[in-house]
PDB file of all heavy atoms in Angstrom:
ATOM      1  N   ASP A   1    -120.597  -8.553 -82.367  1.00  0.00           N
ATOM      2  CA  ASP A   1    -119.719  -9.709 -82.462  1.00  0.00           C
ATOM      3  C   ASP A   1    -118.596  -9.443 -83.448  1.00  0.00           C
ATOM      4  O   ASP A   1    -117.712 -10.303 -83.635  1.00  0.00           O
ATOM      5  CB  ASP A   1    -120.503 -10.985 -82.783  1.00  0.00           C
ATOM      6  CG  ASP A   1    -121.250 -10.811 -84.095  1.00  0.00           C
ATOM      7  OD1 ASP A   1    -121.254  -9.802 -84.741  1.00  0.00           O
ATOM      8  OD2 ASP A   1    -122.019 -11.798 -84.427  1.00  0.00           O
ATOM      9  N   THR A   2    -118.572  -8.356 -84.097  1.00  0.00           N
ATOM     10  CA  THR A   2    -117.476  -8.011 -85.043  1.00  0.00           C
ATOM     11  C   THR A   2    -116.639  -6.838 -84.521  1.00  0.00           C
ATOM     12  O   THR A   2    -117.025  -5.709 -84.637  1.00  0.00           O
ATOM     13  CB  THR A   2    -118.097  -7.626 -86.425  1.00  0.00           C
ATOM     14  OG1 THR A   2    -118.982  -8.603 -86.830  1.00  0.00           O
ATOM     15  CG2 THR A   2    -117.035  -7.391 -87.435  1.00  0.00           C
ATOM     16  N   TRP A   3    -115.549  -7.225 -83.894  1.00  0.00           N
ATOM     17  CA  TRP A   3    -114.657  -6.218 -83.287  1.00  0.00           C
ATOM     18  C   TRP A   3    -113.407  -6.067 -84.160  1.00  0.00           C
ATOM     19  O   TRP A   3    -112.962  -6.980 -84.831  1.00  0.00           O
ATOM     20  CB  TRP A   3    -114.236  -6.648 -81.890  1.00  0.00           C
ATOM     21  CG  TRP A   3    -115.309  -6.696 -80.927  1.00  0.00           C
ATOM     22  CD1 TRP A   3    -116.192  -7.745 -80.658  1.00  0.00           C
ATOM     23  CD2 TRP A   3    -115.752  -5.654 -80.082  1.00  0.00           C
ATOM     24  NE1 TRP A   3    -117.090  -7.405 -79.743  1.00  0.00           N
ATOM     25  CE2 TRP A   3    -116.866  -6.096 -79.331  1.00  0.00           C
ATOM     26  CE3 TRP A   3    -115.330  -4.334 -79.890  1.00  0.00           C
ATOM     27  CZ2 TRP A   3    -117.533  -5.327 -78.455  1.00  0.00           C
ATOM     28  CZ3 TRP A   3    -115.967  -3.531 -78.943  1.00  0.00           C
ATOM     29  CH2 TRP A   3    -117.053  -4.018 -78.243  1.00  0.00           C
ATOM     30  N   ARG A   4    -112.872  -4.845 -84.167  1.00  0.00           N
ATOM     31  CA  ARG A   4    -111.594  -4.538 -84.860  1.00  0.00           C
ATOM     32  C   ARG A   4    -110.753  -3.624 -84.022  1.00  0.00           C
ATOM     33  O   ARG A   4    -111.308  -2.831 -83.265  1.00  0.00           O
ATOM     34  CB  ARG A   4    -111.821  -4.024 -86.244  1.00  0.00           C
ATOM     35  CG  ARG A   4    -112.493  -2.624 -86.256  1.00  0.00           C
ATOM     36  CD  ARG A   4    -112.720  -2.123 -87.654  1.00  0.00           C
ATOM     37  NE  ARG A   4    -113.457  -0.880 -87.660  1.00  0.00           N
ATOM     38  CZ  ARG A   4    -112.936   0.329 -87.569  1.00  0.00           C
ATOM     39  NH1 ARG A   4    -111.641   0.424 -87.336  1.00  0.00           N
ATOM     40  NH2 ARG A   4    -113.642   1.432 -87.545  1.00  0.00           N
ATOM     41  N   LYS A   5    -109.462  -3.662 -84.233  1.00  0.00           N
ATOM     42  CA  LYS A   5    -108.574  -2.770 -83.569  1.00  0.00           C
ATOM     43  C   LYS A   5    -108.837  -1.348 -84.053  1.00  0.00           C
ATOM     44  O   LYS A   5    -108.904  -1.172 -85.282  1.00  0.00           O
ATOM     45  CB  LYS A   5    -107.120  -3.192 -83.761  1.00  0.00           C
ATOM     46  CG  LYS A   5    -106.124  -2.263 -83.117  1.00  0.00           C
ATOM     47  CD  LYS A   5    -104.701  -2.693 -83.348  1.00  0.00           C
ATOM     48  CE  LYS A   5    -103.734  -1.686 -82.775  1.00  0.00           C
ATOM     49  NZ  LYS A   5    -102.360  -2.013 -83.063  1.00  0.00           N
ATOM     50  N   SER A   6    -108.958  -0.446 -83.173  1.00  0.00           N
ATOM     51  CA  SER A   6    -109.208   0.967 -83.563  1.00  0.00           C
ATOM     52  C   SER A   6    -107.999   1.529 -84.235  1.00  0.00           C
ATOM     53  O   SER A   6    -106.804   1.257 -83.820  1.00  0.00           O
ATOM     54  CB  SER A   6    -109.483   1.795 -82.295  1.00  0.00           C
ATOM     55  OG  SER A   6    -109.527   3.165 -82.642  1.00  0.00           O
ATOM     56  N   SER A   7    -108.164   2.250 -85.284  1.00  0.00           N
ATOM     57  CA  SER A   7    -107.049   2.881 -85.991  1.00  0.00           C
ATOM     58  C   SER A   7    -106.387   3.940 -85.089  1.00  0.00           C
ATOM     59  O   SER A   7    -105.287   4.455 -85.393  1.00  0.00           O
ATOM     60  CB  SER A   7    -107.517   3.570 -87.277  1.00  0.00           C
ATOM     61  OG  SER A   7    -108.498   4.549 -87.018  1.00  0.00           O
ATOM     62  N   TYR A   8    -107.048   4.305 -83.981  1.00  0.00           N
ATOM     63  CA  TYR A   8    -106.498   5.334 -83.075  1.00  0.00           C
ATOM     64  C   TYR A   8    -105.598   4.676 -82.008  1.00  0.00           C
ATOM     65  O   TYR A   8    -104.992   5.363 -81.203  1.00  0.00           O
ATOM     66  CB  TYR A   8    -107.597   6.142 -82.383  1.00  0.00           C
ATOM     67  CG  TYR A   8    -108.295   7.048 -83.372  1.00  0.00           C
ATOM     68  CD1 TYR A   8    -109.406   6.640 -84.096  1.00  0.00           C
ATOM     69  CD2 TYR A   8    -107.772   8.335 -83.651  1.00  0.00           C
ATOM     70  CE1 TYR A   8    -110.061   7.456 -84.998  1.00  0.00           C
ATOM     71  CE2 TYR A   8    -108.412   9.107 -84.587  1.00  0.00           C
ATOM     72  CZ  TYR A   8    -109.524   8.708 -85.245  1.00  0.00           C
ATOM     73  OH  TYR A   8    -110.121   9.505 -86.121  1.00  0.00           O
ATOM     74  N   SER A   9    -105.512   3.356 -82.001  1.00  0.00           N
ATOM     75  CA  SER A   9    -104.640   2.651 -81.019  1.00  0.00           C
ATOM     76  C   SER A   9    -103.212   2.768 -81.543  1.00  0.00           C
ATOM     77  O   SER A   9    -102.922   2.727 -82.732  1.00  0.00           O
ATOM     78  CB  SER A   9    -105.019   1.194 -80.920  1.00  0.00           C
ATOM     79  OG  SER A   9    -106.203   1.045 -80.261  1.00  0.00           O
ATOM     80  N   GLY A  10    -102.279   2.930 -80.592  1.00  0.00           N
ATOM     81  CA  GLY A  10    -100.900   3.055 -81.001  1.00  0.00           C
ATOM     82  C   GLY A  10    -100.284   1.719 -81.391  1.00  0.00           C
ATOM     83  O   GLY A  10    -100.938   0.665 -81.388  1.00  0.00           O
ATOM     84  N   GLY A  11     -99.055   1.750 -81.805  1.00  0.00           N
ATOM     85  CA  GLY A  11     -98.348   0.556 -82.188  1.00  0.00           C
ATOM     86  C   GLY A  11     -97.978  -0.313 -81.021  1.00  0.00           C
ATOM     87  O   GLY A  11     -98.865  -0.618 -80.195  1.00  0.00           O
ATOM     88  N   GLY A  12     -96.721  -0.646 -80.882  1.00  0.00           N
ATOM     89  CA  GLY A  12     -96.343  -1.453 -79.728  1.00  0.00           C
ATOM     90  C   GLY A  12     -96.518  -2.910 -79.980  1.00  0.00           C
ATOM     91  O   GLY A  12     -96.395  -3.389 -81.140  1.00  0.00           O
ATOM     92  N   ASP A  13     -96.743  -3.665 -78.937  1.00  0.00           N
ATOM     93  CA  ASP A  13     -96.814  -5.148 -79.053  1.00  0.00           C
ATOM     94  C   ASP A  13     -98.118  -5.643 -79.611  1.00  0.00           C
ATOM     95  O   ASP A  13     -98.305  -6.870 -79.807  1.00  0.00           O
ATOM     96  CB  ASP A  13     -96.501  -5.831 -77.723  1.00  0.00           C
ATOM     97  CG  ASP A  13     -97.517  -5.484 -76.652  1.00  0.00           C
ATOM     98  OD1 ASP A  13     -98.586  -4.911 -76.972  1.00  0.00           O
ATOM     99  OD2 ASP A  13     -97.213  -5.721 -75.484  1.00  0.00           O
ATOM    100  N   GLY A  14     -99.038  -4.802 -79.896  1.00  0.00           N
ATOM    101  CA  GLY A  14    -100.341  -5.228 -80.463  1.00  0.00           C
ATOM    102  C   GLY A  14    -101.357  -5.723 -79.435  1.00  0.00           C
ATOM    103  O   GLY A  14    -102.510  -6.011 -79.770  1.00  0.00           O
ATOM    104  N   ASN A  15    -100.950  -5.836 -78.157  1.00  0.00           N
ATOM    105  CA  ASN A  15    -101.854  -6.298 -77.172  1.00  0.00           C
ATOM    106  C   ASN A  15    -102.464  -5.210 -76.345  1.00  0.00           C
ATOM    107  O   ASN A  15    -103.441  -5.424 -75.604  1.00  0.00           O
ATOM    108  CB  ASN A  15    -101.169  -7.279 -76.213  1.00  0.00           C
ATOM    109  CG  ASN A  15    -100.761  -8.539 -76.922  1.00  0.00           C
ATOM    110  OD1 ASN A  15    -101.495  -9.012 -77.773  1.00  0.00           O
ATOM    111  ND2 ASN A  15     -99.664  -9.147 -76.567  1.00  0.00           N
ATOM    112  N   ASN A  16    -101.921  -4.024 -76.421  1.00  0.00           N
ATOM    113  CA  ASN A  16    -102.434  -2.872 -75.654  1.00  0.00           C
ATOM    114  C   ASN A  16    -103.182  -1.923 -76.610  1.00  0.00           C
ATOM    115  O   ASN A  16    -102.693  -0.899 -76.994  1.00  0.00           O
ATOM    116  CB  ASN A  16    -101.278  -2.118 -74.991  1.00  0.00           C
ATOM    117  CG  ASN A  16    -100.581  -2.983 -73.994  1.00  0.00           C
ATOM    118  OD1 ASN A  16    -101.194  -3.737 -73.295  1.00  0.00           O
ATOM    119  ND2 ASN A  16     -99.247  -2.904 -73.948  1.00  0.00           N
ATOM    120  N   CYS A  17    -104.374  -2.355 -76.950  1.00  0.00           N
ATOM    121  CA  CYS A  17    -105.106  -1.542 -77.853  1.00  0.00           C
ATOM    122  C   CYS A  17    -106.619  -1.498 -77.512  1.00  0.00           C
ATOM    123  O   CYS A  17    -107.072  -2.239 -76.687  1.00  0.00           O
ATOM    124  CB  CYS A  17    -104.959  -1.967 -79.296  1.00  0.00           C
ATOM    125  SG  CYS A  17    -105.589  -3.613 -79.682  1.00  0.00           S
ATOM    126  N   VAL A  18    -107.272  -0.575 -78.162  1.00  0.00           N
ATOM    127  CA  VAL A  18    -108.734  -0.487 -78.024  1.00  0.00           C
ATOM    128  C   VAL A  18    -109.347  -1.150 -79.236  1.00  0.00           C
ATOM    129  O   VAL A  18    -108.889  -0.967 -80.351  1.00  0.00           O
ATOM    130  CB  VAL A  18    -109.123   0.991 -77.923  1.00  0.00           C
ATOM    131  CG1 VAL A  18    -110.610   1.194 -77.962  1.00  0.00           C
ATOM    132  CG2 VAL A  18    -108.561   1.641 -76.711  1.00  0.00           C
ATOM    133  N   GLU A  19    -110.405  -1.891 -78.983  1.00  0.00           N
ATOM    134  CA  GLU A  19    -111.163  -2.476 -80.100  1.00  0.00           C
ATOM    135  C   GLU A  19    -112.501  -1.779 -80.158  1.00  0.00           C
ATOM    136  O   GLU A  19    -113.039  -1.392 -79.118  1.00  0.00           O
ATOM    137  CB  GLU A  19    -111.361  -3.977 -79.850  1.00  0.00           C
ATOM    138  CG  GLU A  19    -110.083  -4.743 -79.888  1.00  0.00           C
ATOM    139  CD  GLU A  19    -110.257  -6.225 -79.615  1.00  0.00           C
ATOM    140  OE1 GLU A  19    -111.112  -6.572 -78.801  1.00  0.00           O
ATOM    141  OE2 GLU A  19    -109.572  -7.037 -80.239  1.00  0.00           O
ATOM    142  N   ILE A  20    -112.985  -1.659 -81.394  1.00  0.00           N
ATOM    143  CA  ILE A  20    -114.353  -1.024 -81.553  1.00  0.00           C
ATOM    144  C   ILE A  20    -115.183  -1.916 -82.427  1.00  0.00           C
ATOM    145  O   ILE A  20    -114.702  -2.741 -83.184  1.00  0.00           O
ATOM    146  CB  ILE A  20    -114.215   0.400 -82.175  1.00  0.00           C
ATOM    147  CG1 ILE A  20    -113.651   0.341 -83.557  1.00  0.00           C
ATOM    148  CG2 ILE A  20    -113.454   1.313 -81.271  1.00  0.00           C
ATOM    149  CD1 ILE A  20    -113.754   1.646 -84.312  1.00  0.00           C
ATOM    150  N   ALA A  21    -116.463  -1.756 -82.247  1.00  0.00           N
ATOM    151  CA  ALA A  21    -117.478  -2.456 -83.102  1.00  0.00           C
ATOM    152  C   ALA A  21    -118.554  -1.447 -83.304  1.00  0.00           C
ATOM    153  O   ALA A  21    -118.927  -0.652 -82.445  1.00  0.00           O
ATOM    154  CB  ALA A  21    -118.016  -3.671 -82.365  1.00  0.00           C
ATOM    155  N   THR A  22    -119.098  -1.367 -84.524  1.00  0.00           N
ATOM    156  CA  THR A  22    -120.026  -0.370 -84.874  1.00  0.00           C
ATOM    157  C   THR A  22    -121.349  -0.926 -85.385  1.00  0.00           C
ATOM    158  O   THR A  22    -121.356  -2.051 -85.948  1.00  0.00           O
ATOM    159  CB  THR A  22    -119.522   0.608 -85.973  1.00  0.00           C
ATOM    160  OG1 THR A  22    -119.127  -0.116 -87.114  1.00  0.00           O
ATOM    161  CG2 THR A  22    -118.278   1.347 -85.449  1.00  0.00           C
ATOM    162  N   THR A  23    -122.427  -0.223 -85.163  1.00  0.00           N
ATOM    163  CA  THR A  23    -123.657  -0.511 -85.808  1.00  0.00           C
ATOM    164  C   THR A  23    -124.125   0.820 -86.469  1.00  0.00           C
ATOM    165  O   THR A  23    -123.354   1.797 -86.449  1.00  0.00           O
ATOM    166  CB  THR A  23    -124.771  -0.919 -84.780  1.00  0.00           C
ATOM    167  OG1 THR A  23    -125.109   0.215 -83.989  1.00  0.00           O
ATOM    168  CG2 THR A  23    -124.293  -2.066 -83.887  1.00  0.00           C
ATOM    169  N   THR A  24    -125.240   0.811 -87.098  1.00  0.00           N
ATOM    170  CA  THR A  24    -125.686   2.061 -87.742  1.00  0.00           C
ATOM    171  C   THR A  24    -125.929   3.168 -86.759  1.00  0.00           C
ATOM    172  O   THR A  24    -125.925   4.360 -87.094  1.00  0.00           O
ATOM    173  CB  THR A  24    -126.969   1.810 -88.538  1.00  0.00           C
ATOM    174  OG1 THR A  24    -127.959   1.264 -87.723  1.00  0.00           O
ATOM    175  CG2 THR A  24    -126.637   0.921 -89.755  1.00  0.00           C
ATOM    176  N   THR A  25    -126.189   2.860 -85.470  1.00  0.00           N
ATOM    177  CA  THR A  25    -126.531   3.898 -84.461  1.00  0.00           C
ATOM    178  C   THR A  25    -125.554   4.039 -83.326  1.00  0.00           C
ATOM    179  O   THR A  25    -125.638   5.038 -82.607  1.00  0.00           O
ATOM    180  CB  THR A  25    -127.961   3.621 -83.863  1.00  0.00           C
ATOM    181  OG1 THR A  25    -127.934   2.313 -83.273  1.00  0.00           O
ATOM    182  CG2 THR A  25    -128.999   3.667 -84.983  1.00  0.00           C
ATOM    183  N   HIS A  26    -124.706   3.033 -83.089  1.00  0.00           N
ATOM    184  CA  HIS A  26    -123.818   3.055 -81.907  1.00  0.00           C
ATOM    185  C   HIS A  26    -122.401   2.597 -82.234  1.00  0.00           C
ATOM    186  O   HIS A  26    -122.157   1.940 -83.242  1.00  0.00           O
ATOM    187  CB  HIS A  26    -124.378   2.133 -80.799  1.00  0.00           C
ATOM    188  CG  HIS A  26    -125.614   2.686 -80.167  1.00  0.00           C
ATOM    189  ND1 HIS A  26    -126.863   2.538 -80.675  1.00  0.00           N
ATOM    190  CD2 HIS A  26    -125.794   3.410 -79.056  1.00  0.00           C
ATOM    191  CE1 HIS A  26    -127.733   3.147 -79.911  1.00  0.00           C
ATOM    192  NE2 HIS A  26    -127.134   3.680 -78.888  1.00  0.00           N
ATOM    193  N   VAL A  27    -121.527   2.961 -81.315  1.00  0.00           N
ATOM    194  CA  VAL A  27    -120.106   2.483 -81.363  1.00  0.00           C
ATOM    195  C   VAL A  27    -119.829   1.908 -79.989  1.00  0.00           C
ATOM    196  O   VAL A  27    -120.062   2.529 -78.967  1.00  0.00           O
ATOM    197  CB  VAL A  27    -119.089   3.619 -81.651  1.00  0.00           C
ATOM    198  CG1 VAL A  27    -117.673   3.124 -81.577  1.00  0.00           C
ATOM    199  CG2 VAL A  27    -119.435   4.244 -83.012  1.00  0.00           C
ATOM    200  N   ALA A  28    -119.289   0.671 -80.002  1.00  0.00           N
ATOM    201  CA  ALA A  28    -118.917  -0.023 -78.755  1.00  0.00           C
ATOM    202  C   ALA A  28    -117.410  -0.078 -78.677  1.00  0.00           C
ATOM    203  O   ALA A  28    -116.701  -0.185 -79.720  1.00  0.00           O
ATOM    204  CB  ALA A  28    -119.491  -1.444 -78.699  1.00  0.00           C
ATOM    205  N   VAL A  29    -116.832   0.084 -77.449  1.00  0.00           N
ATOM    206  CA  VAL A  29    -115.398   0.119 -77.241  1.00  0.00           C
ATOM    207  C   VAL A  29    -115.081  -0.830 -76.123  1.00  0.00           C
ATOM    208  O   VAL A  29    -115.786  -0.940 -75.114  1.00  0.00           O
ATOM    209  CB  VAL A  29    -115.001   1.568 -76.841  1.00  0.00           C
ATOM    210  CG1 VAL A  29    -113.488   1.632 -76.612  1.00  0.00           C
ATOM    211  CG2 VAL A  29    -115.476   2.625 -77.828  1.00  0.00           C
ATOM    212  N   ARG A  30    -113.948  -1.565 -76.256  1.00  0.00           N
ATOM    213  CA  ARG A  30    -113.510  -2.454 -75.236  1.00  0.00           C
ATOM    214  C   ARG A  30    -111.973  -2.542 -75.240  1.00  0.00           C
ATOM    215  O   ARG A  30    -111.323  -2.180 -76.214  1.00  0.00           O
ATOM    216  CB  ARG A  30    -114.069  -3.854 -75.362  1.00  0.00           C
ATOM    217  CG  ARG A  30    -113.511  -4.644 -76.531  1.00  0.00           C
ATOM    218  CD  ARG A  30    -114.176  -6.015 -76.622  1.00  0.00           C
ATOM    219  NE  ARG A  30    -113.626  -6.770 -77.673  1.00  0.00           N
ATOM    220  CZ  ARG A  30    -114.099  -7.969 -78.051  1.00  0.00           C
ATOM    221  NH1 ARG A  30    -115.098  -8.504 -77.435  1.00  0.00           N
ATOM    222  NH2 ARG A  30    -113.508  -8.626 -79.074  1.00  0.00           N
ATOM    223  N   ASP A  31    -111.381  -3.010 -74.161  1.00  0.00           N
ATOM    224  CA  ASP A  31    -109.972  -3.212 -74.020  1.00  0.00           C
ATOM    225  C   ASP A  31    -109.619  -4.556 -74.614  1.00  0.00           C
ATOM    226  O   ASP A  31    -110.146  -5.582 -74.232  1.00  0.00           O
ATOM    227  CB  ASP A  31    -109.627  -3.124 -72.543  1.00  0.00           C
ATOM    228  CG  ASP A  31    -108.120  -3.255 -72.280  1.00  0.00           C
ATOM    229  OD1 ASP A  31    -107.358  -3.646 -73.175  1.00  0.00           O
ATOM    230  OD2 ASP A  31    -107.730  -2.976 -71.114  1.00  0.00           O
ATOM    231  N   SER A  32    -108.694  -4.604 -75.532  1.00  0.00           N
ATOM    232  CA  SER A  32    -108.364  -5.847 -76.187  1.00  0.00           C
ATOM    233  C   SER A  32    -107.696  -6.875 -75.253  1.00  0.00           C
ATOM    234  O   SER A  32    -107.744  -8.087 -75.462  1.00  0.00           O
ATOM    235  CB  SER A  32    -107.368  -5.663 -77.368  1.00  0.00           C
ATOM    236  OG  SER A  32    -106.136  -5.173 -76.920  1.00  0.00           O
ATOM    237  N   LYS A  33    -107.106  -6.368 -74.127  1.00  0.00           N
ATOM    238  CA  LYS A  33    -106.498  -7.291 -73.151  1.00  0.00           C
ATOM    239  C   LYS A  33    -107.560  -7.974 -72.261  1.00  0.00           C
ATOM    240  O   LYS A  33    -107.236  -8.994 -71.655  1.00  0.00           O
ATOM    241  CB  LYS A  33    -105.521  -6.519 -72.248  1.00  0.00           C
ATOM    242  CG  LYS A  33    -104.310  -5.936 -72.939  1.00  0.00           C
ATOM    243  CD  LYS A  33    -103.395  -5.248 -71.965  1.00  0.00           C
ATOM    244  CE  LYS A  33    -103.993  -4.211 -71.094  1.00  0.00           C
ATOM    245  NZ  LYS A  33    -104.513  -2.974 -71.632  1.00  0.00           N
ATOM    246  N   ALA A  34    -108.713  -7.410 -72.228  1.00  0.00           N
ATOM    247  CA  ALA A  34    -109.755  -8.005 -71.360  1.00  0.00           C
ATOM    248  C   ALA A  34    -111.103  -7.913 -72.092  1.00  0.00           C
ATOM    249  O   ALA A  34    -112.043  -7.233 -71.593  1.00  0.00           O
ATOM    250  CB  ALA A  34    -109.791  -7.254 -70.036  1.00  0.00           C
TER     251      ALA A  34
END
């Protein structure tokens, strides 16, 4: 439930980025637009 914009996402309008959430064992990735 704690997502943040990936530091690897480019600039631009801020809507076209990848968000990530981490736990001690896994990394989850999603599209910020959806």
